[in-house]
C-alpha atoms as a PDB file:
ATOM      1  CA  GLN A   1      -0.010  -0.007   0.011  1.00  0.00           C
ATOM      2  CA  VAL A   2       1.030   3.573  -0.696  1.00  0.00           C
ATOM      3  CA  GLN A   3       1.702   5.124   3.029  1.00  0.00           C
ATOM      4  CA  LEU A   4       4.185   7.499   4.682  1.00  0.00           C
ATOM      5  CA  VAL A   5       4.944   6.675   8.495  1.00  0.00           C
ATOM      6  CA  GLU A   6       6.519   9.554  10.596  1.00  0.00           C
ATOM      7  CA  SER A   7       7.883   8.394  13.680  1.00  0.00           C
ATOM      8  CA  GLY A   8      10.759   9.815  16.464  1.00  0.00           C
ATOM      9  CA  GLY A   9       8.405  12.248  18.269  1.00  0.00           C
ATOM     10  CA  GLY A  10       8.625  13.117  21.769  1.00  0.00           C
ATOM     11  CA  LEU A  11       9.220  15.373  24.427  1.00  0.00           C
ATOM     12  CA  VAL A  12      12.660  17.355  24.873  1.00  0.00           C
ATOM     13  CA  GLN A  13      13.551  20.136  26.838  1.00  0.00           C
ATOM     14  CA  PRO A  14      14.926  23.348  24.875  1.00  0.00           C
ATOM     15  CA  GLY A  15      18.182  22.876  23.303  1.00  0.00           C
ATOM     16  CA  GLY A  16      17.723  19.214  22.978  1.00  0.00           C
ATOM     17  CA  SER A  17      17.975  17.097  19.789  1.00  0.00           C
ATOM     18  CA  LEU A  18      15.623  14.501  18.207  1.00  0.00           C
ATOM     19  CA  LYS A  19      15.911  12.512  14.526  1.00  0.00           C
ATOM     20  CA  LEU A  20      12.298  12.053  12.891  1.00  0.00           C
ATOM     21  CA  SER A  21      12.093   9.496  10.511  1.00  0.00           C
ATOM     22  CA  CYS A  22       9.220   9.108   7.482  1.00  0.00           C
ATOM     23  CA  ALA A  23       9.319   5.521   5.867  1.00  0.00           C
ATOM     24  CA  ALA A  24       8.054   5.602   2.753  1.00  0.00           C
ATOM     25  CA  SER A  25       6.439   2.496   0.990  1.00  0.00           C
ATOM     26  CA  GLY A  26       4.091   1.346  -1.979  1.00  0.00           C
ATOM     27  CA  PHE A  27       5.653   4.091  -4.730  1.00  0.00           C
ATOM     28  CA  ASN A  28       9.007   4.802  -6.490  1.00  0.00           C
ATOM     29  CA  PHE A  29      10.784   6.773  -3.462  1.00  0.00           C
ATOM     30  CA  ARG A  30      13.831   7.544  -5.526  1.00  0.00           C
ATOM     31  CA  ARG A  31      11.752   9.834  -7.837  1.00  0.00           C
ATOM     32  CA  TYR A  32      10.153  12.120  -5.556  1.00  0.00           C
ATOM     33  CA  ASP A  33      11.504  15.070  -3.939  1.00  0.00           C
ATOM     34  CA  MET A  34      10.701  14.952  -0.095  1.00  0.00           C
ATOM     35  CA  ARG A  35       9.553  17.548   2.063  1.00  0.00           C
ATOM     36  CA  TRP A  36       9.185  18.171   5.928  1.00  0.00           C
ATOM     37  CA  TYR A  37       6.251  20.143   7.050  1.00  0.00           C
ATOM     38  CA  ARG A  38       4.980  21.064  10.705  1.00  0.00           C
ATOM     39  CA  GLN A  39       1.526  22.225  12.061  1.00  0.00           C
ATOM     40  CA  ALA A  40       1.566  24.018  15.355  1.00  0.00           C
ATOM     41  CA  ALA A  41      -1.594  24.199  17.287  1.00  0.00           C
ATOM     42  CA  GLU A  42      -4.303  26.473  15.674  1.00  0.00           C
ATOM     43  CA  LYS A  43      -1.681  27.320  12.712  1.00  0.00           C
ATOM     44  CA  ASP A  44      -1.206  26.482   9.048  1.00  0.00           C
ATOM     45  CA  ARG A  45       0.926  23.545   7.982  1.00  0.00           C
ATOM     46  CA  GLU A  46       4.580  25.167   7.256  1.00  0.00           C
ATOM     47  CA  LEU A  47       7.569  24.004   5.170  1.00  0.00           C
ATOM     48  CA  VAL A  48      10.376  23.128   7.022  1.00  0.00           C
ATOM     49  CA  ALA A  49      12.907  21.506   4.798  1.00  0.00           C
ATOM     50  CA  SER A  50      13.237  20.062   1.074  1.00  0.00           C
ATOM     51  CA  ILE A  51      15.226  17.663  -0.412  1.00  0.00           C
ATOM     52  CA  SER A  52      15.549  16.757  -3.966  1.00  0.00           C
ATOM     53  CA  ASN A  53      15.148  13.237  -5.392  1.00  0.00           C
ATOM     54  CA  THR A  54      19.032  12.976  -6.009  1.00  0.00           C
ATOM     55  CA  GLY A  55      19.920  14.433  -2.490  1.00  0.00           C
ATOM     56  CA  ASP A  56      21.865  16.898  -4.400  1.00  0.00           C
ATOM     57  CA  SER A  57      20.146  20.055  -3.020  1.00  0.00           C
ATOM     58  CA  THR A  58      18.515  21.055   0.262  1.00  0.00           C
ATOM     59  CA  THR A  59      16.079  23.885   1.285  1.00  0.00           C
ATOM     60  CA  TYR A  60      15.030  24.942   5.064  1.00  0.00           C
ATOM     61  CA  ALA A  61      12.724  27.621   6.228  1.00  0.00           C
ATOM     62  CA  ASP A  62      14.606  30.801   7.985  1.00  0.00           C
ATOM     63  CA  SER A  63      13.230  29.539  11.323  1.00  0.00           C
ATOM     64  CA  VAL A  64      15.335  26.615  11.233  1.00  0.00           C
ATOM     65  CA  GLN A  65      18.130  26.986   8.942  1.00  0.00           C
ATOM     66  CA  GLY A  66      21.345  25.766  10.927  1.00  0.00           C
ATOM     67  CA  ARG A  67      19.556  23.885  13.366  1.00  0.00           C
ATOM     68  CA  PHE A  68      18.071  21.212  11.563  1.00  0.00           C
ATOM     69  CA  THR A  69      18.941  18.655   8.541  1.00  0.00           C
ATOM     70  CA  ILE A  70      17.052  16.849   6.073  1.00  0.00           C
ATOM     71  CA  SER A  71      18.759  13.543   4.442  1.00  0.00           C
ATOM     72  CA  ARG A  72      17.474  10.462   2.650  1.00  0.00           C
ATOM     73  CA  ASP A  73      18.536   6.915   2.370  1.00  0.00           C
ATOM     74  CA  ASP A  74      16.730   5.639  -0.940  1.00  0.00           C
ATOM     75  CA  ALA A  75      17.806   2.193   0.059  1.00  0.00           C
ATOM     76  CA  LYS A  76      15.750   2.413   2.907  1.00  0.00           C
ATOM     77  CA  ALA A  77      13.075   4.580   1.240  1.00  0.00           C
ATOM     78  CA  THR A  78      13.284   6.849   4.497  1.00  0.00           C
ATOM     79  CA  VAL A  79      13.964  10.712   4.748  1.00  0.00           C
ATOM     80  CA  TYR A  80      15.348  12.274   7.849  1.00  0.00           C
ATOM     81  CA  LEU A  81      15.192  15.379   9.775  1.00  0.00           C
ATOM     82  CA  GLN A  82      17.977  16.011  12.259  1.00  0.00           C
ATOM     83  CA  MET A  83      16.569  18.628  14.706  1.00  0.00           C
ATOM     84  CA  ASN A  84      19.020  20.476  17.369  1.00  0.00           C
ATOM     85  CA  SER A  85      19.239  23.250  19.337  1.00  0.00           C
ATOM     86  CA  LEU A  86      15.080  23.052  19.644  1.00  0.00           C
ATOM     87  CA  LYS A  87      13.306  25.989  20.707  1.00  0.00           C
ATOM     88  CA  PRO A  88       9.683  26.118  21.998  1.00  0.00           C
ATOM     89  CA  GLU A  89       8.587  27.197  18.869  1.00  0.00           C
ATOM     90  CA  ASP A  90       9.569  24.300  17.093  1.00  0.00           C
ATOM     91  CA  THR A  91       6.470  22.081  18.782  1.00  0.00           C
ATOM     92  CA  ALA A  92       4.627  20.817  16.098  1.00  0.00           C
ATOM     93  CA  VAL A  93       3.164  18.051  14.482  1.00  0.00           C
ATOM     94  CA  TYR A  94       5.663  17.042  11.945  1.00  0.00           C
ATOM     95  CA  TYR A  95       4.539  15.660   8.797  1.00  0.00           C
ATOM     96  CA  CYS A  96       6.699  14.111   5.399  1.00  0.00           C
ATOM     97  CA  ASN A  97       5.220  14.463   2.076  1.00  0.00           C
ATOM     98  CA  ALA A  98       6.445  13.578  -1.832  1.00  0.00           C
ATOM     99  CA  ASP A  99       6.445  16.311  -3.582  1.00  0.00           C
ATOM    100  CA  GLN A 100       3.895  16.169  -6.931  1.00  0.00           C
ATOM    101  CA  LEU A 101       2.965  12.785  -5.546  1.00  0.00           C
ATOM    102  CA  LEU A 102      -0.902  12.013  -5.952  1.00  0.00           C
ATOM    103  CA  VAL A 103      -2.936   8.511  -4.990  1.00  0.00           C
ATOM    104  CA  ALA A 104      -6.262   7.698  -6.013  1.00  0.00           C
ATOM    105  CA  ASP A 105      -8.951   6.444  -4.210  1.00  0.00           C
ATOM    106  CA  GLU A 106     -12.608   6.060  -4.120  1.00  0.00           C
ATOM    107  CA  ARG A 107     -13.338   9.793  -4.352  1.00  0.00           C
ATOM    108  CA  GLY A 108     -10.349  10.987  -6.874  1.00  0.00           C
ATOM    109  CA  TYR A 109      -6.596  12.062  -6.225  1.00  0.00           C
ATOM    110  CA  HIS A 110      -5.399  13.114  -3.429  1.00  0.00           C
ATOM    111  CA  GLU A 111      -1.972  14.135  -2.087  1.00  0.00           C
ATOM    112  CA  LEU A 112      -0.085  11.544   0.532  1.00  0.00           C
ATOM    113  CA  TRP A 113       0.104  12.381   3.886  1.00  0.00           C
ATOM    114  CA  GLY A 114       1.036  10.446   7.085  1.00  0.00           C
ATOM    115  CA  GLN A 115      -0.185  10.569  10.828  1.00  0.00           C
ATOM    116  CA  GLY A 116       2.638  12.885  11.425  1.00  0.00           C
ATOM    117  CA  THR A 117       4.793  12.369  14.902  1.00  0.00           C
ATOM    118  CA  LEU A 118       4.178  15.524  17.474  1.00  0.00           C
ATOM    119  CA  VAL A 119       7.461  17.411  18.923  1.00  0.00           C
ATOM    120  CA  THR A 120       7.185  18.781  22.125  1.00  0.00           C
ATOM    121  CA  VAL A 121       9.467  21.322  23.357  1.00  0.00           C
ATOM    122  CA  SER A 122       8.885  22.509  26.808  1.00  0.00           C
ATOM    123  CA  SER A 123      10.935  22.778  30.453  1.00  0.00           C
END
């Protein structure tokens, strides 16, 4: 089946680190740019980081640049987000997404999202 499964979230203190994983299945992972998004309570989902299908190019939101690193392992069909120097404002549910991938079901085509993984940064 076609799915994305995020994991690795948890409760950490400010200044701490977490590494998130997103396991992909059911599609050709190597062909897609991958992205990490996050959504804080009562806020819109925002793009955090992107990595090209080849892994040659990465981009980051200004708010996380220098602290977060996105990477991918095509052999494992997994994209990662290493998060260091975490701040309370990083608290959110983190999601991964395959750029321009649409999945068909009974209602038509839609983007593929996992259940997300919750990151809480608090003392």
